PDB file of N, CA and C in Angstrom:
ATOM      1  N   MET A   1     -11.239  -5.483 -14.872  1.00  0.00           N
ATOM      2  CA  MET A   1      -9.880  -6.245 -13.728  1.00  0.00           C
ATOM      3  C   MET A   1     -10.394  -7.556 -13.566  1.00  0.00           C
ATOM      4  N   MET A   2     -11.668  -8.022 -13.356  1.00  0.00           N
ATOM      5  CA  MET A   2     -12.551  -8.959 -13.323  1.00  0.00           C
ATOM      6  C   MET A   2     -12.023  -9.774 -14.057  1.00  0.00           C
ATOM      7  N   THR A   3     -12.208  -9.990 -15.332  1.00  0.00           N
ATOM      8  CA  THR A   3     -11.701 -10.924 -16.173  1.00  0.00           C
ATOM      9  C   THR A   3     -10.369 -11.399 -16.503  1.00  0.00           C
ATOM     10  N   ALA A   4      -9.574 -10.667 -15.728  1.00  0.00           N
ATOM     11  CA  ALA A   4      -8.262 -11.031 -15.809  1.00  0.00           C
ATOM     12  C   ALA A   4      -7.855 -11.677 -14.064  1.00  0.00           C
ATOM     13  N   ILE A   5      -8.452 -11.095 -13.283  1.00  0.00           N
ATOM     14  CA  ILE A   5      -8.372 -12.043 -12.028  1.00  0.00           C
ATOM     15  C   ILE A   5      -9.396 -13.187 -11.983  1.00  0.00           C
ATOM     16  N   ARG A   6     -10.230 -13.504 -12.761  1.00  0.00           N
ATOM     17  CA  ARG A   6     -10.366 -14.617 -13.129  1.00  0.00           C
ATOM     18  C   ARG A   6     -10.060 -15.720 -14.400  1.00  0.00           C
ATOM     19  N   ASN A   7      -9.078 -15.245 -14.820  1.00  0.00           N
ATOM     20  CA  ASN A   7      -8.530 -15.686 -15.734  1.00  0.00           C
ATOM     21  C   ASN A   7      -6.997 -16.173 -14.995  1.00  0.00           C
ATOM     22  N   ASP A   8      -6.517 -15.573 -14.335  1.00  0.00           N
ATOM     23  CA  ASP A   8      -5.367 -16.130 -12.751  1.00  0.00           C
ATOM     24  C   ASP A   8      -5.470 -17.307 -12.338  1.00  0.00           C
ATOM     25  N   ILE A   9      -6.759 -17.032 -11.462  1.00  0.00           N
ATOM     26  CA  ILE A   9      -7.629 -18.291 -10.567  1.00  0.00           C
ATOM     27  C   ILE A   9      -7.607 -19.505 -11.138  1.00  0.00           C
ATOM     28  N   GLU A  10      -8.302 -19.297 -12.609  1.00  0.00           N
ATOM     29  CA  GLU A  10      -8.672 -20.849 -13.564  1.00  0.00           C
ATOM     30  C   GLU A  10      -7.271 -21.076 -13.781  1.00  0.00           C
ATOM     31  N   LYS A  11      -5.863 -20.496 -14.867  1.00  0.00           N
ATOM     32  CA  LYS A  11      -4.942 -20.688 -15.209  1.00  0.00           C
ATOM     33  C   LYS A  11      -3.798 -21.319 -14.565  1.00  0.00           C
ATOM     34  N   ARG A  12      -3.685 -20.476 -13.862  1.00  0.00           N
ATOM     35  CA  ARG A  12      -2.646 -20.067 -12.673  1.00  0.00           C
ATOM     36  C   ARG A  12      -2.625 -21.092 -11.078  1.00  0.00           C
ATOM     37  N   PHE A  13      -3.891 -21.055 -10.534  1.00  0.00           N
ATOM     38  CA  PHE A  13      -4.210 -21.086  -9.554  1.00  0.00           C
ATOM     39  C   PHE A  13      -4.878 -22.303  -9.031  1.00  0.00           C
ATOM     40  N   GLY A  14      -5.265 -23.278 -10.383  1.00  0.00           N
ATOM     41  CA  GLY A  14      -6.432 -24.416 -10.015  1.00  0.00           C
ATOM     42  C   GLY A  14      -8.067 -24.227 -10.714  1.00  0.00           C
ATOM     43  N   GLY A  15      -8.099 -22.916 -10.397  1.00  0.00           N
ATOM     44  CA  GLY A  15      -9.926 -22.998 -10.712  1.00  0.00           C
ATOM     45  C   GLY A  15     -10.532 -21.850  -9.476  1.00  0.00           C
ATOM     46  N   VAL A  16     -11.627 -21.852 -10.184  1.00  0.00           N
ATOM     47  CA  VAL A  16     -12.678 -21.244  -8.906  1.00  0.00           C
ATOM     48  C   VAL A  16     -13.312 -22.283  -8.062  1.00  0.00           C
ATOM     49  N   SER A  17     -13.191 -22.341  -6.800  1.00  0.00           N
ATOM     50  CA  SER A  17     -14.073 -23.500  -6.130  1.00  0.00           C
ATOM     51  C   SER A  17     -13.915 -23.025  -4.823  1.00  0.00           C
ATOM     52  N   GLU A  18     -15.041 -23.659  -4.075  1.00  0.00           N
ATOM     53  CA  GLU A  18     -14.866 -23.035  -2.133  1.00  0.00           C
ATOM     54  C   GLU A  18     -13.777 -23.657  -1.675  1.00  0.00           C
ATOM     55  N   ASN A  19     -13.516 -24.645  -2.182  1.00  0.00           N
ATOM     56  CA  ASN A  19     -12.073 -25.633  -1.945  1.00  0.00           C
ATOM     57  C   ASN A  19     -10.959 -24.980  -2.417  1.00  0.00           C
ATOM     58  N   ASN A  20     -10.639 -24.459  -2.687  1.00  0.00           N
ATOM     59  CA  ASN A  20      -9.435 -23.447  -3.097  1.00  0.00           C
ATOM     60  C   ASN A  20      -9.180 -22.277  -2.317  1.00  0.00           C
ATOM     61  N   PRO A  21      -8.163 -21.829  -1.073  1.00  0.00           N
ATOM     62  CA  PRO A  21      -7.750 -21.136  -1.087  1.00  0.00           C
ATOM     63  C   PRO A  21      -6.862 -19.777  -1.536  1.00  0.00           C
ATOM     64  N   ILE A  22      -7.544 -19.175  -2.150  1.00  0.00           N
ATOM     65  CA  ILE A  22      -6.982 -18.062  -2.391  1.00  0.00           C
ATOM     66  C   ILE A  22      -8.151 -16.813  -2.201  1.00  0.00           C
ATOM     67  N   TYR A  23      -7.299 -15.711  -1.963  1.00  0.00           N
ATOM     68  CA  TYR A  23      -7.815 -14.629  -1.168  1.00  0.00           C
ATOM     69  C   TYR A  23      -7.371 -13.327  -2.353  1.00  0.00           C
ATOM     70  N   LEU A  24      -8.208 -12.640  -1.929  1.00  0.00           N
ATOM     71  CA  LEU A  24      -8.309 -11.165  -3.091  1.00  0.00           C
ATOM     72  C   LEU A  24      -8.090  -9.604  -2.205  1.00  0.00           C
ATOM     73  N   GLN A  25      -7.631  -9.353  -3.154  1.00  0.00           N
ATOM     74  CA  GLN A  25      -7.327  -7.784  -2.460  1.00  0.00           C
ATOM     75  C   GLN A  25      -7.531  -6.721  -3.353  1.00  0.00           C
ATOM     76  N   ILE A  26      -7.812  -5.724  -3.129  1.00  0.00           N
ATOM     77  CA  ILE A  26      -7.965  -4.386  -3.438  1.00  0.00           C
ATOM     78  C   ILE A  26      -7.061  -2.996  -2.534  1.00  0.00           C
ATOM     79  N   ALA A  27      -6.250  -2.652  -3.690  1.00  0.00           N
ATOM     80  CA  ALA A  27      -5.527  -1.548  -3.415  1.00  0.00           C
ATOM     81  C   ALA A  27      -6.101  -0.242  -3.591  1.00  0.00           C
ATOM     82  N   HIS A  28      -5.838   0.558  -3.020  1.00  0.00           N
ATOM     83  CA  HIS A  28      -6.547   1.893  -3.713  1.00  0.00           C
ATOM     84  C   HIS A  28      -5.763   3.363  -3.175  1.00  0.00           C
ATOM     85  N   THR A  29      -6.011   4.577  -3.902  1.00  0.00           N
ATOM     86  CA  THR A  29      -5.323   5.313  -3.498  1.00  0.00           C
ATOM     87  C   THR A  29      -6.592   6.718  -3.154  1.00  0.00           C
ATOM     88  N   GLU A  30      -6.598   6.690  -1.592  1.00  0.00           N
ATOM     89  CA  GLU A  30      -7.472   7.688  -1.154  1.00  0.00           C
ATOM     90  C   GLU A  30      -8.715   7.048  -1.923  1.00  0.00           C
ATOM     91  N   ASN A  31      -9.285   6.018  -2.194  1.00  0.00           N
ATOM     92  CA  ASN A  31     -10.454   6.093  -2.894  1.00  0.00           C
ATOM     93  C   ASN A  31     -11.414   4.810  -2.252  1.00  0.00           C
ATOM     94  N   GLU A  32     -11.656   4.825  -1.205  1.00  0.00           N
ATOM     95  CA  GLU A  32     -12.210   4.225   0.001  1.00  0.00           C
ATOM     96  C   GLU A  32     -14.199   3.531  -0.478  1.00  0.00           C
ATOM     97  N   GLU A  33     -14.537   4.886  -0.740  1.00  0.00           N
ATOM     98  CA  GLU A  33     -15.803   4.447  -1.659  1.00  0.00           C
ATOM     99  C   GLU A  33     -15.813   3.843  -2.724  1.00  0.00           C
ATOM    100  N   ALA A  34     -14.354   3.707  -3.428  1.00  0.00           N
ATOM    101  CA  ALA A  34     -15.050   3.026  -4.692  1.00  0.00           C
ATOM    102  C   ALA A  34     -14.108   1.177  -4.225  1.00  0.00           C
ATOM    103  N   ALA A  35     -13.420   1.709  -3.791  1.00  0.00           N
ATOM    104  CA  ALA A  35     -13.177   0.217  -3.209  1.00  0.00           C
ATOM    105  C   ALA A  35     -14.086  -0.391  -2.272  1.00  0.00           C
ATOM    106  N   GLY A  36     -15.032  -0.287  -1.718  1.00  0.00           N
ATOM    107  CA  GLY A  36     -16.215  -0.466  -1.209  1.00  0.00           C
ATOM    108  C   GLY A  36     -17.023  -1.458  -2.014  1.00  0.00           C
ATOM    109  N   VAL A  37     -17.416  -0.504  -3.331  1.00  0.00           N
ATOM    110  CA  VAL A  37     -17.958  -1.104  -4.721  1.00  0.00           C
ATOM    111  C   VAL A  37     -17.469  -2.066  -5.158  1.00  0.00           C
ATOM    112  N   LEU A  38     -16.175  -2.002  -4.977  1.00  0.00           N
ATOM    113  CA  LEU A  38     -15.559  -2.807  -5.971  1.00  0.00           C
ATOM    114  C   LEU A  38     -15.556  -3.851  -5.002  1.00  0.00           C
ATOM    115  N   LYS A  39     -15.526  -4.190  -4.178  1.00  0.00           N
ATOM    116  CA  LYS A  39     -15.161  -5.560  -2.754  1.00  0.00           C
ATOM    117  C   LYS A  39     -16.817  -6.200  -2.686  1.00  0.00           C
ATOM    118  N   GLU A  40     -17.913  -5.323  -3.432  1.00  0.00           N
ATOM    119  CA  GLU A  40     -19.225  -5.861  -3.509  1.00  0.00           C
ATOM    120  C   GLU A  40     -19.189  -6.766  -4.735  1.00  0.00           C
ATOM    121  N   GLU A  41     -19.086  -6.172  -5.976  1.00  0.00           N
ATOM    122  CA  GLU A  41     -18.656  -6.830  -7.114  1.00  0.00           C
ATOM    123  C   GLU A  41     -18.106  -7.643  -6.764  1.00  0.00           C
ATOM    124  N   LEU A  42     -16.535  -8.066  -6.830  1.00  0.00           N
ATOM    125  CA  LEU A  42     -15.374  -9.091  -6.341  1.00  0.00           C
ATOM    126  C   LEU A  42     -16.321  -9.872  -5.732  1.00  0.00           C
ATOM    127  N   THR A  43     -17.284  -9.997  -4.418  1.00  0.00           N
ATOM    128  CA  THR A  43     -17.841 -10.752  -3.557  1.00  0.00           C
ATOM    129  C   THR A  43     -18.749 -11.120  -4.313  1.00  0.00           C
ATOM    130  N   ALA A  44     -19.604 -10.744  -5.152  1.00  0.00           N
ATOM    131  CA  ALA A  44     -20.637 -11.265  -5.958  1.00  0.00           C
ATOM    132  C   ALA A  44     -19.767 -12.213  -6.867  1.00  0.00           C
ATOM    133  N   GLN A  45     -18.701 -11.751  -7.657  1.00  0.00           N
ATOM    134  CA  GLN A  45     -18.101 -12.870  -8.734  1.00  0.00           C
ATOM    135  C   GLN A  45     -17.440 -14.016  -8.297  1.00  0.00           C
ATOM    136  N   PHE A  46     -16.986 -13.760  -7.043  1.00  0.00           N
ATOM    137  CA  PHE A  46     -16.448 -14.832  -6.211  1.00  0.00           C
ATOM    138  C   PHE A  46     -16.673 -14.869  -4.676  1.00  0.00           C
ATOM    139  N   PRO A  47     -17.916 -15.587  -4.707  1.00  0.00           N
ATOM    140  CA  PRO A  47     -18.349 -15.632  -3.132  1.00  0.00           C
ATOM    141  C   PRO A  47     -17.967 -16.858  -2.490  1.00  0.00           C
ATOM    142  N   GLY A  48     -17.225 -16.423  -1.110  1.00  0.00           N
ATOM    143  CA  GLY A  48     -16.703 -17.208  -0.440  1.00  0.00           C
ATOM    144  C   GLY A  48     -15.541 -17.124  -0.232  1.00  0.00           C
ATOM    145  N   TYR A  49     -14.457 -15.944  -1.369  1.00  0.00           N
ATOM    146  CA  TYR A  49     -13.244 -15.707  -1.052  1.00  0.00           C
ATOM    147  C   TYR A  49     -13.124 -14.799   0.072  1.00  0.00           C
ATOM    148  N   PRO A  50     -12.337 -14.520   0.929  1.00  0.00           N
ATOM    149  CA  PRO A  50     -12.290 -12.942   1.525  1.00  0.00           C
ATOM    150  C   PRO A  50     -11.670 -12.373   1.096  1.00  0.00           C
ATOM    151  N   VAL A  51     -12.257 -10.708   0.955  1.00  0.00           N
ATOM    152  CA  VAL A  51     -11.352  -9.749   0.209  1.00  0.00           C
ATOM    153  C   VAL A  51     -11.017  -8.839   0.682  1.00  0.00           C
ATOM    154  N   TYR A  52      -9.602  -8.333   1.233  1.00  0.00           N
ATOM    155  CA  TYR A  52      -9.419  -7.614   1.843  1.00  0.00           C
ATOM    156  C   TYR A  52      -8.932  -5.845   1.243  1.00  0.00           C
ATOM    157  N   ILE A  53      -8.805  -5.392   1.807  1.00  0.00           N
ATOM    158  CA  ILE A  53      -8.825  -4.067   0.982  1.00  0.00           C
ATOM    159  C   ILE A  53      -7.551  -2.390   1.853  1.00  0.00           C
ATOM    160  N   ASP A  54      -6.705  -2.371   1.251  1.00  0.00           N
ATOM    161  CA  ASP A  54      -5.799  -1.789   2.106  1.00  0.00           C
ATOM    162  C   ASP A  54      -5.303  -0.357   1.281  1.00  0.00           C
ATOM    163  N   HIS A  55      -4.753   0.595   1.167  1.00  0.00           N
ATOM    164  CA  HIS A  55      -4.006   1.228   0.468  1.00  0.00           C
ATOM    165  C   HIS A  55      -2.641   1.214  -0.433  1.00  0.00           C
ATOM    166  N   LEU A  56      -2.845   1.606  -1.530  1.00  0.00           N
ATOM    167  CA  LEU A  56      -1.448   1.365  -2.291  1.00  0.00           C
ATOM    168  C   LEU A  56      -0.183   2.272  -1.612  1.00  0.00           C
ATOM    169  N   SER A  57       0.713   1.534  -2.171  1.00  0.00           N
ATOM    170  CA  SER A  57       2.219   2.154  -1.101  1.00  0.00           C
ATOM    171  C   SER A  57       2.860   3.386  -1.705  1.00  0.00           C
ATOM    172  N   LEU A  58       3.164   4.035  -0.806  1.00  0.00           N
ATOM    173  CA  LEU A  58       2.904   5.763  -1.558  1.00  0.00           C
ATOM    174  C   LEU A  58       4.148   5.623  -2.527  1.00  0.00           C
ATOM    175  N   SER A  59       4.909   4.871  -2.935  1.00  0.00           N
ATOM    176  CA  SER A  59       6.293   4.567  -3.922  1.00  0.00           C
ATOM    177  C   SER A  59       4.807   4.345  -5.411  1.00  0.00           C
ATOM    178  N   ILE A  60       3.643   3.756  -5.193  1.00  0.00           N
ATOM    179  CA  ILE A  60       2.791   2.979  -6.454  1.00  0.00           C
ATOM    180  C   ILE A  60       2.222   4.591  -6.692  1.00  0.00           C
ATOM    181  N   SER A  61       1.906   4.852  -5.647  1.00  0.00           N
ATOM    182  CA  SER A  61       0.321   6.054  -5.794  1.00  0.00           C
ATOM    183  C   SER A  61       1.441   7.364  -5.729  1.00  0.00           C
ATOM    184  N   CYS A  62       2.269   7.495  -5.902  1.00  0.00           N
ATOM    185  CA  CYS A  62       2.788   8.833  -6.455  1.00  0.00           C
ATOM    186  C   CYS A  62       3.070   8.611  -8.039  1.00  0.00           C
ATOM    187  N   HIS A  63       2.960   7.491  -8.631  1.00  0.00           N
ATOM    188  CA  HIS A  63       3.098   7.781 -10.148  1.00  0.00           C
ATOM    189  C   HIS A  63       1.445   7.195 -10.698  1.00  0.00           C
ATOM    190  N   ILE A  64       0.910   6.806 -10.077  1.00  0.00           N
ATOM    191  CA  ILE A  64      -0.410   6.429 -10.396  1.00  0.00           C
ATOM    192  C   ILE A  64      -1.664   7.347 -10.108  1.00  0.00           C
ATOM    193  N   GLY A  65      -1.591   8.599  -9.336  1.00  0.00           N
ATOM    194  CA  GLY A  65      -2.470   9.388  -9.003  1.00  0.00           C
ATOM    195  C   GLY A  65      -3.491   8.783  -8.083  1.00  0.00           C
ATOM    196  N   PRO A  66      -4.292   9.864  -7.251  1.00  0.00           N
ATOM    197  CA  PRO A  66      -5.383   9.850  -6.651  1.00  0.00           C
ATOM    198  C   PRO A  66      -6.429   9.262  -7.194  1.00  0.00           C
ATOM    199  N   GLY A  67      -7.293   8.244  -6.480  1.00  0.00           N
ATOM    200  CA  GLY A  67      -8.176   7.744  -7.259  1.00  0.00           C
ATOM    201  C   GLY A  67      -8.324   6.812  -7.788  1.00  0.00           C
ATOM    202  N   SER A  68      -7.219   6.014  -7.846  1.00  0.00           N
ATOM    203  CA  SER A  68      -6.731   4.845  -7.946  1.00  0.00           C
ATOM    204  C   SER A  68      -7.048   3.564  -7.838  1.00  0.00           C
ATOM    205  N   LEU A  69      -6.868   2.368  -8.372  1.00  0.00           N
ATOM    206  CA  LEU A  69      -8.324   0.792  -8.120  1.00  0.00           C
ATOM    207  C   LEU A  69      -6.757   0.093  -8.352  1.00  0.00           C
ATOM    208  N   ALA A  70      -7.022  -1.208  -7.792  1.00  0.00           N
ATOM    209  CA  ALA A  70      -5.998  -2.246  -8.511  1.00  0.00           C
ATOM    210  C   ALA A  70      -6.744  -3.377  -7.496  1.00  0.00           C
ATOM    211  N   ILE A  71      -6.347  -4.529  -8.552  1.00  0.00           N
ATOM    212  CA  ILE A  71      -7.057  -5.548  -7.169  1.00  0.00           C
ATOM    213  C   ILE A  71      -6.083  -6.655  -7.934  1.00  0.00           C
ATOM    214  N   ALA A  72      -5.740  -7.603  -6.807  1.00  0.00           N
ATOM    215  CA  ALA A  72      -4.721  -8.739  -6.810  1.00  0.00           C
ATOM    216  C   ALA A  72      -5.355 -10.229  -6.624  1.00  0.00           C
ATOM    217  N   CYS A  73      -5.010 -10.934  -6.580  1.00  0.00           N
ATOM    218  CA  CYS A  73      -5.709 -12.377  -5.526  1.00  0.00           C
ATOM    219  C   CYS A  73      -3.785 -13.150  -5.555  1.00  0.00           C
ATOM    220  N   CYS A  74      -4.148 -14.358  -4.127  1.00  0.00           N
ATOM    221  CA  CYS A  74      -3.160 -15.060  -4.596  1.00  0.00           C
ATOM    222  C   CYS A  74      -3.836 -16.506  -3.340  1.00  0.00           C
ATOM    223  N   LYS A  75      -2.234 -17.491  -3.581  1.00  0.00           N
ATOM    224  CA  LYS A  75      -3.476 -18.539  -3.151  1.00  0.00           C
ATOM    225  C   LYS A  75      -2.215 -18.820  -2.176  1.00  0.00           C
ATOM    226  N   LYS A  76      -3.396 -19.251  -0.792  1.00  0.00           N
ATOM    227  CA  LYS A  76      -2.752 -19.733   0.394  1.00  0.00           C
ATOM    228  C   LYS A  76      -2.094 -20.976  -0.003  1.00  0.00           C
ATOM    229  N   LEU A  77      -0.753 -20.758   0.294  1.00  0.00           N
ATOM    230  CA  LEU A  77       0.044 -21.921   0.315  1.00  0.00           C
ATOM    231  C   LEU A  77      -0.310 -23.163   1.328  1.00  0.00           C
ATOM    232  N   ILE A  78      -0.965 -24.258   1.116  1.00  0.00           N
ATOM    233  CA  ILE A  78      -0.276 -25.212   2.528  1.00  0.00           C
ATOM    234  C   ILE A  78       0.081 -26.184   2.930  1.00  0.00           C
TER     235      ILE A  78
END
């Protein structure tokens, strides 16, 4: 997942830099502990980028099951 996010940031959003306003998100299905560990890893890989954690929606969670994790990124439009 880290490689996929880095590729998206570099190829779709203009590269990893402190001046590029990109937000990282972690979504989970009743797996807050693992989401916290993943946040630490993301913070180490992408220092200075805000990382938010939230629950996956019920419509997604019921299909992929408990314990799932997801990462997403988005660029703030200025």
